[in-house]
N, C-alpha and C. Protein backbone atom coordinates (compact mmCIF):
# COMPACT_ATOMS: atom_id res chain seq x y z
N UNK A 1 -29.02 2.95 3.76
CA UNK A 1 -27.69 3.44 4.10
C UNK A 1 -27.77 4.93 4.42
N UNK A 2 -27.27 5.34 5.60
CA UNK A 2 -27.28 6.76 5.95
C UNK A 2 -26.54 7.58 4.92
N UNK A 3 -26.98 8.83 4.74
CA UNK A 3 -26.38 9.67 3.71
C UNK A 3 -24.89 9.88 3.92
N UNK A 4 -24.48 10.01 5.21
CA UNK A 4 -23.06 10.21 5.49
C UNK A 4 -22.24 8.99 5.08
N UNK A 5 -22.75 7.81 5.37
CA UNK A 5 -22.07 6.58 4.99
C UNK A 5 -22.03 6.43 3.47
N UNK A 6 -23.13 6.80 2.81
CA UNK A 6 -23.18 6.72 1.35
C UNK A 6 -22.17 7.68 0.73
N UNK A 7 -22.05 8.88 1.30
CA UNK A 7 -21.10 9.87 0.79
C UNK A 7 -19.68 9.36 0.93
N UNK A 8 -19.38 8.72 2.05
CA UNK A 8 -18.05 8.15 2.25
C UNK A 8 -17.75 7.07 1.23
N UNK A 9 -18.74 6.24 0.94
CA UNK A 9 -18.55 5.18 -0.05
C UNK A 9 -18.31 5.75 -1.44
N UNK A 10 -19.08 6.76 -1.80
CA UNK A 10 -18.89 7.40 -3.11
C UNK A 10 -17.52 8.04 -3.21
N UNK A 11 -17.10 8.70 -2.13
CA UNK A 11 -15.79 9.36 -2.12
C UNK A 11 -14.66 8.35 -2.28
N UNK A 12 -14.73 7.24 -1.53
CA UNK A 12 -13.67 6.24 -1.64
C UNK A 12 -13.69 5.56 -3.00
N UNK A 13 -14.88 5.36 -3.57
CA UNK A 13 -14.97 4.78 -4.91
C UNK A 13 -14.29 5.68 -5.94
N UNK A 14 -14.58 6.98 -5.86
CA UNK A 14 -13.98 7.93 -6.78
C UNK A 14 -12.47 8.04 -6.58
N UNK A 15 -12.02 7.97 -5.34
CA UNK A 15 -10.60 8.03 -5.06
C UNK A 15 -9.88 6.81 -5.63
N UNK A 16 -10.51 5.64 -5.51
CA UNK A 16 -9.93 4.44 -6.11
C UNK A 16 -9.81 4.59 -7.62
N UNK A 17 -10.86 5.12 -8.25
CA UNK A 17 -10.84 5.33 -9.69
C UNK A 17 -9.77 6.34 -10.08
N UNK A 18 -9.66 7.44 -9.32
CA UNK A 18 -8.65 8.46 -9.61
C UNK A 18 -7.24 7.87 -9.52
N UNK A 19 -7.04 6.98 -8.56
CA UNK A 19 -5.73 6.35 -8.42
C UNK A 19 -5.40 5.49 -9.63
N UNK A 20 -6.38 4.76 -10.15
CA UNK A 20 -6.15 3.96 -11.35
C UNK A 20 -5.83 4.87 -12.54
N UNK A 21 -6.53 5.99 -12.64
CA UNK A 21 -6.25 6.94 -13.72
C UNK A 21 -4.84 7.51 -13.59
N UNK A 22 -4.44 7.86 -12.38
CA UNK A 22 -3.10 8.40 -12.13
C UNK A 22 -2.03 7.39 -12.51
N UNK A 23 -2.24 6.13 -12.14
CA UNK A 23 -1.26 5.11 -12.47
C UNK A 23 -1.19 4.86 -13.97
N UNK A 24 -2.34 4.88 -14.62
CA UNK A 24 -2.35 4.70 -16.08
C UNK A 24 -1.65 5.86 -16.76
N UNK A 25 -1.86 7.07 -16.25
CA UNK A 25 -1.19 8.26 -16.81
C UNK A 25 0.32 8.14 -16.67
N UNK A 26 0.77 7.76 -15.46
CA UNK A 26 2.20 7.64 -15.23
C UNK A 26 2.81 6.49 -16.03
N UNK A 27 2.06 5.41 -16.17
CA UNK A 27 2.55 4.28 -16.96
C UNK A 27 2.71 4.68 -18.42
N UNK A 28 1.78 5.46 -18.95
CA UNK A 28 1.87 5.94 -20.32
C UNK A 28 3.14 6.77 -20.52
N UNK A 29 3.41 7.66 -19.58
CA UNK A 29 4.63 8.48 -19.64
C UNK A 29 5.87 7.59 -19.56
N UNK A 30 5.83 6.62 -18.67
CA UNK A 30 6.93 5.69 -18.45
C UNK A 30 7.27 4.94 -19.75
N UNK A 31 6.24 4.43 -20.41
CA UNK A 31 6.45 3.67 -21.64
C UNK A 31 6.86 4.58 -22.79
N UNK A 32 6.34 5.81 -22.81
CA UNK A 32 6.69 6.75 -23.86
C UNK A 32 8.19 7.09 -23.81
N UNK A 33 8.76 7.03 -22.62
CA UNK A 33 10.19 7.30 -22.45
C UNK A 33 11.02 6.03 -22.62
N UNK A 34 10.38 4.97 -23.10
CA UNK A 34 11.04 3.69 -23.37
C UNK A 34 11.58 3.03 -22.11
N UNK A 35 10.91 3.26 -20.99
CA UNK A 35 11.28 2.59 -19.75
C UNK A 35 10.59 1.23 -19.70
N UNK A 36 11.10 0.36 -18.88
CA UNK A 36 10.61 -1.01 -18.78
C UNK A 36 9.26 -1.10 -18.07
N UNK A 37 8.37 -1.89 -18.67
CA UNK A 37 7.06 -2.14 -18.04
C UNK A 37 7.25 -2.91 -16.73
N UNK A 38 8.17 -3.87 -16.74
CA UNK A 38 8.42 -4.66 -15.52
C UNK A 38 8.97 -3.76 -14.42
N UNK A 39 9.86 -2.83 -14.79
CA UNK A 39 10.40 -1.91 -13.79
C UNK A 39 9.30 -1.06 -13.15
N UNK A 40 8.33 -0.64 -13.95
CA UNK A 40 7.24 0.18 -13.43
C UNK A 40 6.50 -0.55 -12.33
N UNK A 41 6.23 -1.83 -12.56
CA UNK A 41 5.51 -2.61 -11.56
C UNK A 41 6.44 -3.27 -10.54
N UNK A 42 7.71 -2.85 -10.56
CA UNK A 42 8.65 -3.30 -9.54
C UNK A 42 8.77 -2.29 -8.41
N UNK A 43 8.06 -1.18 -8.53
CA UNK A 43 7.99 -0.21 -7.42
C UNK A 43 6.87 -0.64 -6.48
N UNK A 44 7.20 -0.78 -5.21
CA UNK A 44 6.19 -1.21 -4.25
C UNK A 44 5.05 -0.20 -4.16
N UNK A 45 5.38 1.08 -4.32
CA UNK A 45 4.33 2.11 -4.32
C UNK A 45 3.25 1.80 -5.34
N UNK A 46 3.66 1.42 -6.55
CA UNK A 46 2.69 1.15 -7.61
C UNK A 46 1.86 -0.10 -7.30
N UNK A 47 2.51 -1.14 -6.81
CA UNK A 47 1.79 -2.36 -6.47
C UNK A 47 0.80 -2.11 -5.32
N UNK A 48 1.26 -1.39 -4.30
CA UNK A 48 0.41 -1.13 -3.14
C UNK A 48 -0.77 -0.25 -3.51
N UNK A 49 -0.54 0.76 -4.35
CA UNK A 49 -1.63 1.65 -4.75
C UNK A 49 -2.60 0.96 -5.68
N UNK A 50 -2.11 0.07 -6.52
CA UNK A 50 -3.01 -0.68 -7.39
C UNK A 50 -3.95 -1.56 -6.55
N UNK A 51 -3.38 -2.26 -5.59
CA UNK A 51 -4.22 -3.08 -4.70
C UNK A 51 -5.19 -2.21 -3.92
N UNK A 52 -4.69 -1.09 -3.39
CA UNK A 52 -5.54 -0.21 -2.58
C UNK A 52 -6.71 0.33 -3.40
N UNK A 53 -6.44 0.74 -4.64
CA UNK A 53 -7.50 1.27 -5.49
C UNK A 53 -8.57 0.22 -5.76
N UNK A 54 -8.14 -1.00 -6.08
CA UNK A 54 -9.10 -2.07 -6.37
C UNK A 54 -9.92 -2.43 -5.13
N UNK A 55 -9.26 -2.44 -3.96
CA UNK A 55 -9.97 -2.75 -2.72
C UNK A 55 -10.98 -1.65 -2.39
N UNK A 56 -10.58 -0.39 -2.56
CA UNK A 56 -11.51 0.72 -2.28
C UNK A 56 -12.74 0.65 -3.18
N UNK A 57 -12.50 0.38 -4.46
CA UNK A 57 -13.61 0.31 -5.41
C UNK A 57 -14.52 -0.86 -5.07
N UNK A 58 -13.93 -2.01 -4.74
CA UNK A 58 -14.73 -3.20 -4.43
C UNK A 58 -15.55 -2.99 -3.16
N UNK A 59 -14.92 -2.49 -2.10
CA UNK A 59 -15.65 -2.31 -0.84
C UNK A 59 -16.72 -1.24 -0.97
N UNK A 60 -16.40 -0.14 -1.65
CA UNK A 60 -17.38 0.93 -1.82
C UNK A 60 -18.57 0.46 -2.65
N UNK A 61 -18.31 -0.33 -3.69
CA UNK A 61 -19.39 -0.84 -4.54
C UNK A 61 -20.33 -1.73 -3.74
N UNK A 62 -19.76 -2.61 -2.91
CA UNK A 62 -20.60 -3.50 -2.10
C UNK A 62 -21.41 -2.71 -1.08
N UNK A 63 -20.80 -1.71 -0.47
CA UNK A 63 -21.52 -0.92 0.53
C UNK A 63 -22.64 -0.10 -0.11
N UNK A 64 -22.38 0.42 -1.30
CA UNK A 64 -23.43 1.17 -2.00
C UNK A 64 -24.59 0.26 -2.37
N UNK A 65 -24.30 -1.02 -2.56
CA UNK A 65 -25.34 -2.00 -2.86
C UNK A 65 -25.92 -2.62 -1.59
N UNK A 66 -25.50 -2.08 -0.41
CA UNK A 66 -25.98 -2.55 0.89
C UNK A 66 -25.66 -4.03 1.10
N UNK A 67 -24.47 -4.46 0.67
CA UNK A 67 -24.04 -5.84 0.84
C UNK A 67 -22.88 -5.91 1.82
N UNK A 68 -22.80 -7.01 2.56
CA UNK A 68 -21.74 -7.21 3.53
C UNK A 68 -20.42 -7.56 2.84
N UNK A 69 -19.32 -7.18 3.48
CA UNK A 69 -18.00 -7.54 2.95
C UNK A 69 -17.65 -8.95 3.43
N UNK A 70 -17.08 -9.73 2.53
CA UNK A 70 -16.68 -11.09 2.89
C UNK A 70 -15.41 -11.05 3.74
N UNK A 71 -15.14 -12.11 4.52
CA UNK A 71 -13.90 -12.17 5.29
C UNK A 71 -12.66 -12.02 4.41
N UNK A 72 -12.72 -12.57 3.19
CA UNK A 72 -11.57 -12.46 2.28
C UNK A 72 -11.32 -11.01 1.90
N UNK A 73 -12.40 -10.26 1.63
CA UNK A 73 -12.24 -8.86 1.28
C UNK A 73 -11.78 -8.04 2.48
N UNK A 74 -12.27 -8.39 3.66
CA UNK A 74 -11.80 -7.71 4.87
C UNK A 74 -10.30 -7.96 5.07
N UNK A 75 -9.84 -9.17 4.77
CA UNK A 75 -8.41 -9.47 4.85
C UNK A 75 -7.63 -8.66 3.83
N UNK A 76 -8.20 -8.50 2.64
CA UNK A 76 -7.55 -7.68 1.61
C UNK A 76 -7.47 -6.23 2.06
N UNK A 77 -8.51 -5.75 2.75
CA UNK A 77 -8.48 -4.40 3.30
C UNK A 77 -7.35 -4.26 4.31
N UNK A 78 -7.16 -5.28 5.14
CA UNK A 78 -6.10 -5.24 6.14
C UNK A 78 -4.73 -5.17 5.48
N UNK A 79 -4.51 -6.03 4.50
CA UNK A 79 -3.23 -6.03 3.78
C UNK A 79 -3.00 -4.68 3.11
N UNK A 80 -4.04 -4.16 2.46
CA UNK A 80 -3.93 -2.88 1.77
C UNK A 80 -3.63 -1.74 2.74
N UNK A 81 -4.32 -1.73 3.88
CA UNK A 81 -4.10 -0.67 4.86
C UNK A 81 -2.68 -0.69 5.40
N UNK A 82 -2.17 -1.87 5.69
CA UNK A 82 -0.79 -1.99 6.18
C UNK A 82 0.20 -1.52 5.10
N UNK A 83 -0.01 -2.01 3.88
CA UNK A 83 0.87 -1.61 2.77
C UNK A 83 0.92 -0.10 2.61
N UNK A 84 -0.25 0.53 2.59
CA UNK A 84 -0.31 1.96 2.32
C UNK A 84 0.25 2.78 3.48
N UNK A 85 0.05 2.32 4.70
CA UNK A 85 0.63 3.01 5.85
C UNK A 85 2.15 3.01 5.74
N UNK A 86 2.73 1.87 5.38
CA UNK A 86 4.18 1.76 5.26
C UNK A 86 4.69 2.56 4.06
N UNK A 87 3.93 2.58 2.97
CA UNK A 87 4.31 3.41 1.82
C UNK A 87 4.47 4.86 2.25
N UNK A 88 3.49 5.36 3.00
CA UNK A 88 3.57 6.74 3.47
C UNK A 88 4.74 6.98 4.40
N UNK A 89 4.98 6.04 5.31
CA UNK A 89 6.06 6.18 6.28
C UNK A 89 7.43 6.13 5.59
N UNK A 90 7.64 5.10 4.76
CA UNK A 90 8.94 4.93 4.10
C UNK A 90 9.24 6.09 3.16
N UNK A 91 8.22 6.54 2.41
CA UNK A 91 8.47 7.66 1.50
C UNK A 91 8.84 8.91 2.28
N UNK A 92 8.13 9.19 3.34
CA UNK A 92 8.39 10.40 4.12
C UNK A 92 9.76 10.36 4.80
N UNK A 93 10.19 9.18 5.22
CA UNK A 93 11.45 9.06 5.95
C UNK A 93 12.66 8.90 5.03
N UNK A 94 12.51 8.07 3.98
CA UNK A 94 13.68 7.70 3.18
C UNK A 94 13.71 8.29 1.77
N UNK A 95 12.56 8.68 1.22
CA UNK A 95 12.52 9.01 -0.21
C UNK A 95 12.02 10.41 -0.53
N UNK A 96 11.66 11.16 0.47
CA UNK A 96 11.05 12.47 0.23
C UNK A 96 11.95 13.40 -0.58
N UNK A 97 13.27 13.30 -0.39
CA UNK A 97 14.20 14.20 -1.07
C UNK A 97 14.93 13.52 -2.23
N UNK A 98 14.47 12.34 -2.63
CA UNK A 98 15.09 11.62 -3.74
C UNK A 98 14.51 12.12 -5.06
N UNK A 99 15.36 12.20 -6.10
CA UNK A 99 14.90 12.61 -7.43
C UNK A 99 13.90 11.57 -7.95
N UNK A 100 12.70 12.01 -8.26
CA UNK A 100 11.63 11.11 -8.69
C UNK A 100 11.53 10.99 -10.21
N UNK A 101 12.47 11.59 -10.90
CA UNK A 101 12.52 11.44 -12.36
C UNK A 101 11.29 11.96 -13.06
N UNK A 102 10.64 11.10 -13.86
CA UNK A 102 9.49 11.51 -14.67
C UNK A 102 8.17 11.46 -13.91
N UNK A 103 8.21 11.11 -12.63
CA UNK A 103 6.96 11.03 -11.87
C UNK A 103 6.29 12.39 -11.78
N UNK A 104 5.04 12.47 -12.24
CA UNK A 104 4.30 13.73 -12.23
C UNK A 104 4.02 14.17 -10.79
N UNK A 105 4.18 15.46 -10.50
CA UNK A 105 3.97 15.94 -9.12
C UNK A 105 2.61 15.56 -8.54
N UNK A 106 1.54 15.69 -9.32
CA UNK A 106 0.21 15.39 -8.79
C UNK A 106 0.05 13.89 -8.53
N UNK A 107 0.70 13.08 -9.37
CA UNK A 107 0.67 11.63 -9.14
C UNK A 107 1.45 11.29 -7.89
N UNK A 108 2.58 11.93 -7.72
CA UNK A 108 3.40 11.73 -6.52
C UNK A 108 2.60 12.05 -5.25
N UNK A 109 1.93 13.19 -5.23
CA UNK A 109 1.15 13.59 -4.06
C UNK A 109 0.02 12.59 -3.80
N UNK A 110 -0.64 12.17 -4.87
CA UNK A 110 -1.76 11.23 -4.71
C UNK A 110 -1.30 9.89 -4.17
N UNK A 111 -0.25 9.33 -4.77
CA UNK A 111 0.18 7.97 -4.41
C UNK A 111 0.93 7.90 -3.08
N UNK A 112 1.69 8.95 -2.77
CA UNK A 112 2.55 8.89 -1.58
C UNK A 112 1.98 9.59 -0.36
N UNK A 113 1.02 10.48 -0.56
CA UNK A 113 0.46 11.23 0.56
C UNK A 113 -1.05 11.02 0.73
N UNK A 114 -1.81 11.31 -0.33
CA UNK A 114 -3.26 11.26 -0.23
C UNK A 114 -3.76 9.84 0.02
N UNK A 115 -3.30 8.90 -0.80
CA UNK A 115 -3.80 7.52 -0.66
C UNK A 115 -3.44 6.87 0.68
N UNK A 116 -2.21 7.00 1.17
CA UNK A 116 -1.94 6.41 2.49
C UNK A 116 -2.86 6.96 3.58
N UNK A 117 -3.08 8.27 3.57
CA UNK A 117 -3.96 8.88 4.57
C UNK A 117 -5.40 8.43 4.36
N UNK A 118 -5.86 8.43 3.11
CA UNK A 118 -7.24 8.06 2.81
C UNK A 118 -7.54 6.61 3.17
N UNK A 119 -6.63 5.72 2.84
CA UNK A 119 -6.85 4.30 3.15
C UNK A 119 -6.87 4.08 4.66
N UNK A 120 -5.98 4.77 5.37
CA UNK A 120 -5.98 4.65 6.83
C UNK A 120 -7.27 5.20 7.43
N UNK A 121 -7.74 6.33 6.93
CA UNK A 121 -8.98 6.90 7.44
C UNK A 121 -10.16 5.98 7.15
N UNK A 122 -10.20 5.41 5.96
CA UNK A 122 -11.29 4.51 5.61
C UNK A 122 -11.28 3.29 6.53
N UNK A 123 -10.09 2.80 6.86
CA UNK A 123 -9.98 1.65 7.76
C UNK A 123 -10.46 1.99 9.17
N UNK A 124 -10.03 3.17 9.66
CA UNK A 124 -10.37 3.57 11.03
C UNK A 124 -11.83 3.96 11.17
N UNK A 125 -12.39 4.61 10.13
CA UNK A 125 -13.78 5.02 10.19
C UNK A 125 -14.73 3.83 10.04
N UNK A 126 -14.25 2.79 9.35
CA UNK A 126 -15.06 1.60 9.15
C UNK A 126 -14.25 0.36 9.52
N UNK A 127 -14.03 0.16 10.82
CA UNK A 127 -13.25 -1.01 11.27
C UNK A 127 -13.91 -2.30 10.79
N UNK A 128 -13.14 -3.27 10.40
CA UNK A 128 -13.72 -4.54 9.91
C UNK A 128 -14.37 -5.32 11.02
N UNK A 129 -15.34 -6.13 10.65
CA UNK A 129 -16.03 -6.97 11.62
C UNK A 129 -15.32 -8.31 11.83
N UNK A 130 -14.40 -8.63 10.92
CA UNK A 130 -13.66 -9.88 11.04
C UNK A 130 -12.77 -9.85 12.27
N UNK A 131 -12.72 -10.96 12.99
CA UNK A 131 -11.86 -11.07 14.17
C UNK A 131 -10.47 -11.49 13.68
N UNK A 132 -9.52 -10.58 13.72
CA UNK A 132 -8.18 -10.87 13.23
C UNK A 132 -7.33 -11.55 14.30
N UNK A 133 -6.37 -12.37 13.84
CA UNK A 133 -5.48 -13.11 14.72
C UNK A 133 -4.04 -12.90 14.25
N UNK A 134 -3.11 -13.56 14.94
CA UNK A 134 -1.70 -13.47 14.55
C UNK A 134 -1.49 -13.98 13.13
N UNK A 135 -2.36 -14.89 12.69
CA UNK A 135 -2.25 -15.38 11.31
C UNK A 135 -2.46 -14.27 10.30
N UNK A 136 -3.37 -13.36 10.60
CA UNK A 136 -3.61 -12.24 9.70
C UNK A 136 -2.43 -11.26 9.71
N UNK A 137 -1.80 -11.10 10.87
CA UNK A 137 -0.60 -10.26 10.93
C UNK A 137 0.46 -10.87 10.01
N UNK A 138 0.63 -12.18 10.09
CA UNK A 138 1.58 -12.85 9.21
C UNK A 138 1.23 -12.68 7.74
N UNK A 139 -0.08 -12.72 7.44
CA UNK A 139 -0.53 -12.54 6.07
C UNK A 139 -0.11 -11.18 5.53
N UNK A 140 -0.15 -10.17 6.38
CA UNK A 140 0.24 -8.82 5.97
C UNK A 140 1.73 -8.71 5.67
N UNK A 141 2.51 -9.69 6.13
CA UNK A 141 3.96 -9.66 5.89
C UNK A 141 4.36 -10.42 4.63
N UNK A 142 3.45 -11.22 4.10
CA UNK A 142 3.80 -12.08 2.96
C UNK A 142 4.20 -11.25 1.74
N UNK A 143 3.34 -10.31 1.34
CA UNK A 143 3.61 -9.52 0.14
C UNK A 143 4.92 -8.74 0.25
N UNK A 144 5.15 -7.96 1.32
CA UNK A 144 6.42 -7.22 1.39
C UNK A 144 7.65 -8.11 1.42
N UNK A 145 7.58 -9.27 2.09
CA UNK A 145 8.75 -10.16 2.14
C UNK A 145 9.03 -10.79 0.77
N UNK A 146 7.97 -11.22 0.08
CA UNK A 146 8.15 -11.75 -1.27
C UNK A 146 8.67 -10.66 -2.19
N UNK A 147 8.14 -9.44 -2.04
CA UNK A 147 8.58 -8.32 -2.86
C UNK A 147 10.06 -8.03 -2.64
N UNK A 148 10.49 -7.98 -1.39
CA UNK A 148 11.90 -7.69 -1.09
C UNK A 148 12.81 -8.76 -1.67
N UNK A 149 12.41 -10.02 -1.56
CA UNK A 149 13.21 -11.11 -2.14
C UNK A 149 13.30 -10.96 -3.65
N UNK A 150 12.16 -10.64 -4.28
CA UNK A 150 12.13 -10.45 -5.74
C UNK A 150 13.06 -9.32 -6.17
N UNK A 151 12.98 -8.18 -5.48
CA UNK A 151 13.79 -7.02 -5.85
C UNK A 151 15.28 -7.32 -5.70
N UNK A 152 15.66 -7.97 -4.62
CA UNK A 152 17.07 -8.24 -4.39
C UNK A 152 17.63 -9.26 -5.39
N UNK A 153 16.86 -10.30 -5.68
CA UNK A 153 17.32 -11.31 -6.65
C UNK A 153 17.39 -10.70 -8.05
N UNK A 154 16.34 -9.99 -8.45
CA UNK A 154 16.31 -9.39 -9.78
C UNK A 154 17.36 -8.29 -9.89
N UNK A 155 17.52 -7.50 -8.82
CA UNK A 155 18.50 -6.43 -8.85
C UNK A 155 19.92 -6.95 -9.01
N UNK A 156 20.23 -8.05 -8.33
CA UNK A 156 21.56 -8.64 -8.47
C UNK A 156 21.79 -9.16 -9.88
N UNK A 157 20.70 -9.57 -10.55
CA UNK A 157 20.82 -10.14 -11.90
C UNK A 157 20.95 -9.06 -12.97
N UNK A 158 20.25 -7.93 -12.82
CA UNK A 158 20.23 -6.92 -13.89
C UNK A 158 20.82 -5.58 -13.44
N UNK A 159 21.28 -5.50 -12.19
CA UNK A 159 21.88 -4.26 -11.66
C UNK A 159 20.93 -3.07 -11.69
N UNK A 160 19.67 -3.31 -11.36
CA UNK A 160 18.69 -2.23 -11.26
C UNK A 160 17.82 -2.46 -10.04
N UNK A 161 17.68 -1.42 -9.25
CA UNK A 161 16.88 -1.50 -8.04
C UNK A 161 15.90 -0.33 -8.02
N UNK A 162 14.64 -0.55 -7.63
CA UNK A 162 13.65 0.54 -7.63
C UNK A 162 13.92 1.60 -6.57
N UNK A 163 14.62 1.22 -5.49
CA UNK A 163 14.85 2.16 -4.40
C UNK A 163 16.33 2.13 -3.99
N UNK A 164 16.92 3.30 -3.73
CA UNK A 164 18.35 3.35 -3.39
C UNK A 164 18.71 2.57 -2.14
N UNK A 165 17.82 2.49 -1.16
CA UNK A 165 18.16 1.78 0.08
C UNK A 165 18.17 0.26 -0.10
N UNK A 166 17.73 -0.23 -1.28
CA UNK A 166 17.82 -1.65 -1.58
C UNK A 166 18.98 -1.96 -2.52
N UNK A 167 19.68 -0.93 -2.93
CA UNK A 167 20.82 -1.07 -3.84
C UNK A 167 22.11 -1.13 -3.03
N UNK A 168 22.82 -2.27 -3.04
CA UNK A 168 24.05 -2.38 -2.24
C UNK A 168 25.06 -1.28 -2.54
N UNK A 169 25.07 -0.77 -3.76
CA UNK A 169 26.03 0.27 -4.12
C UNK A 169 25.74 1.59 -3.43
N UNK A 170 24.49 1.79 -2.99
CA UNK A 170 24.10 3.04 -2.33
C UNK A 170 23.79 2.86 -0.85
N UNK A 171 23.68 1.64 -0.42
CA UNK A 171 23.27 1.37 0.97
C UNK A 171 24.42 0.87 1.84
N UNK A 172 25.65 0.93 1.31
CA UNK A 172 26.79 0.46 2.08
C UNK A 172 26.99 -1.03 2.01
N UNK A 173 26.68 -1.62 0.87
CA UNK A 173 26.84 -3.05 0.70
C UNK A 173 25.62 -3.83 1.15
N UNK A 174 25.72 -5.15 1.08
CA UNK A 174 24.58 -5.99 1.44
C UNK A 174 24.27 -5.93 2.94
N UNK A 175 25.29 -5.60 3.73
CA UNK A 175 25.04 -5.42 5.16
C UNK A 175 24.11 -4.25 5.41
N UNK A 176 24.33 -3.15 4.68
CA UNK A 176 23.45 -1.99 4.79
C UNK A 176 22.05 -2.30 4.30
N UNK A 177 21.97 -3.04 3.19
CA UNK A 177 20.65 -3.44 2.66
C UNK A 177 19.92 -4.30 3.68
N UNK A 178 20.66 -5.22 4.32
CA UNK A 178 20.04 -6.10 5.31
C UNK A 178 19.46 -5.30 6.46
N UNK A 179 20.14 -4.25 6.88
CA UNK A 179 19.63 -3.41 7.97
C UNK A 179 18.35 -2.70 7.54
N UNK A 180 18.34 -2.17 6.31
CA UNK A 180 17.13 -1.51 5.81
C UNK A 180 15.98 -2.51 5.72
N UNK A 181 16.26 -3.71 5.19
CA UNK A 181 15.22 -4.73 5.04
C UNK A 181 14.66 -5.11 6.41
N UNK A 182 15.55 -5.31 7.38
CA UNK A 182 15.09 -5.67 8.73
C UNK A 182 14.25 -4.55 9.32
N UNK A 183 14.68 -3.30 9.12
CA UNK A 183 13.93 -2.17 9.65
C UNK A 183 12.56 -2.04 9.02
N UNK A 184 12.49 -2.22 7.70
CA UNK A 184 11.20 -2.11 7.00
C UNK A 184 10.28 -3.26 7.39
N UNK A 185 10.85 -4.46 7.52
CA UNK A 185 10.03 -5.61 7.96
C UNK A 185 9.46 -5.37 9.35
N UNK A 186 10.27 -4.75 10.23
CA UNK A 186 9.79 -4.44 11.57
C UNK A 186 8.66 -3.43 11.53
N UNK A 187 8.78 -2.43 10.65
CA UNK A 187 7.73 -1.42 10.51
C UNK A 187 6.43 -2.09 10.03
N UNK A 188 6.55 -2.99 9.05
CA UNK A 188 5.36 -3.71 8.58
C UNK A 188 4.70 -4.47 9.72
N UNK A 189 5.51 -5.15 10.52
CA UNK A 189 4.98 -5.96 11.61
C UNK A 189 4.29 -5.07 12.66
N UNK A 190 4.93 -3.97 13.01
CA UNK A 190 4.36 -3.06 14.01
C UNK A 190 3.05 -2.45 13.51
N UNK A 191 3.04 -2.00 12.26
CA UNK A 191 1.83 -1.39 11.69
C UNK A 191 0.70 -2.42 11.65
N UNK A 192 1.03 -3.66 11.23
CA UNK A 192 0.00 -4.71 11.16
C UNK A 192 -0.57 -4.99 12.54
N UNK A 193 0.29 -5.06 13.56
CA UNK A 193 -0.20 -5.31 14.92
C UNK A 193 -1.10 -4.18 15.40
N UNK A 194 -0.70 -2.94 15.13
CA UNK A 194 -1.48 -1.80 15.58
C UNK A 194 -2.84 -1.72 14.88
N UNK A 195 -2.85 -1.96 13.58
CA UNK A 195 -4.11 -1.86 12.84
C UNK A 195 -5.08 -2.97 13.20
N UNK A 196 -4.57 -4.14 13.48
CA UNK A 196 -5.46 -5.26 13.76
C UNK A 196 -5.97 -5.25 15.19
N UNK A 197 -5.48 -4.30 16.00
CA UNK A 197 -6.03 -4.11 17.35
C UNK A 197 -7.36 -3.38 17.27
N UNK A 198 -7.55 -2.53 16.26
CA UNK A 198 -8.73 -1.68 16.14
C UNK A 198 -10.03 -2.47 16.16
N UNK A 199 -10.19 -3.51 15.32
CA UNK A 199 -11.47 -4.24 15.36
C UNK A 199 -11.70 -4.95 16.68
N UNK A 200 -10.62 -5.40 17.34
CA UNK A 200 -10.79 -6.07 18.62
C UNK A 200 -11.36 -5.08 19.66
N UNK A 201 -10.86 -3.85 19.64
CA UNK A 201 -11.37 -2.86 20.57
C UNK A 201 -12.84 -2.56 20.29
N UNK A 202 -13.20 -2.55 19.01
CA UNK A 202 -14.59 -2.27 18.66
C UNK A 202 -15.50 -3.40 19.16
N UNK A 203 -14.99 -4.63 19.00
CA UNK A 203 -15.79 -5.78 19.43
C UNK A 203 -15.99 -5.77 20.95
N UNK A 204 -14.93 -5.35 21.69
CA UNK A 204 -15.03 -5.28 23.14
C UNK A 204 -16.07 -4.23 23.55
N UNK A 205 -16.08 -3.08 22.89
CA UNK A 205 -17.04 -2.03 23.20
C UNK A 205 -18.47 -2.46 22.90
N UNK A 206 -18.62 -3.31 21.87
CA UNK A 206 -19.96 -3.72 21.46
C UNK A 206 -20.55 -4.80 22.35
N UNK A 207 -19.74 -5.43 23.19
CA UNK A 207 -20.25 -6.50 24.05
C UNK A 207 -20.74 -5.94 25.38
């Protein structure tokens, strides 16, 4: 493995580990303040960063061992890259000026800024060899759609929502929530389509 490639793998491995440490730190603070464990993992940012950290560690470990990534892991990379890109976009557009409560500033920067950029760079610098299709684009939409359904059903039951734009009381009713949901779903679809074009272009250049 070339030294530059090895350095990239070590860096991404360490970044994945740092993200797990950041999330554990924030979870400890969250529980110390008697906040709900379920609520902590009801934030899409936390779910997306947890997946991204595990994927980074897994892919970096395999590359350091000079082993190929399986199609399943490449698919997980695609899902993670799409999730993290949207996390960065949605936070910057809708949540940048929202009160983040007990969220530590360094954790906020890592989860909302550093990780989205890092995951995207890792994807672009190392495009997957798997040939993606429309089915993979659909796969990237499964998690966010299930998540949105979960948040809306649970929120209606307990009157708690992780994000103000999903709360009918702050979004102008369910009609306003529906517009936000449709917009976010569209962003997921567009990002998935754009990211899955990258490996196809690489394959064309290699032929």
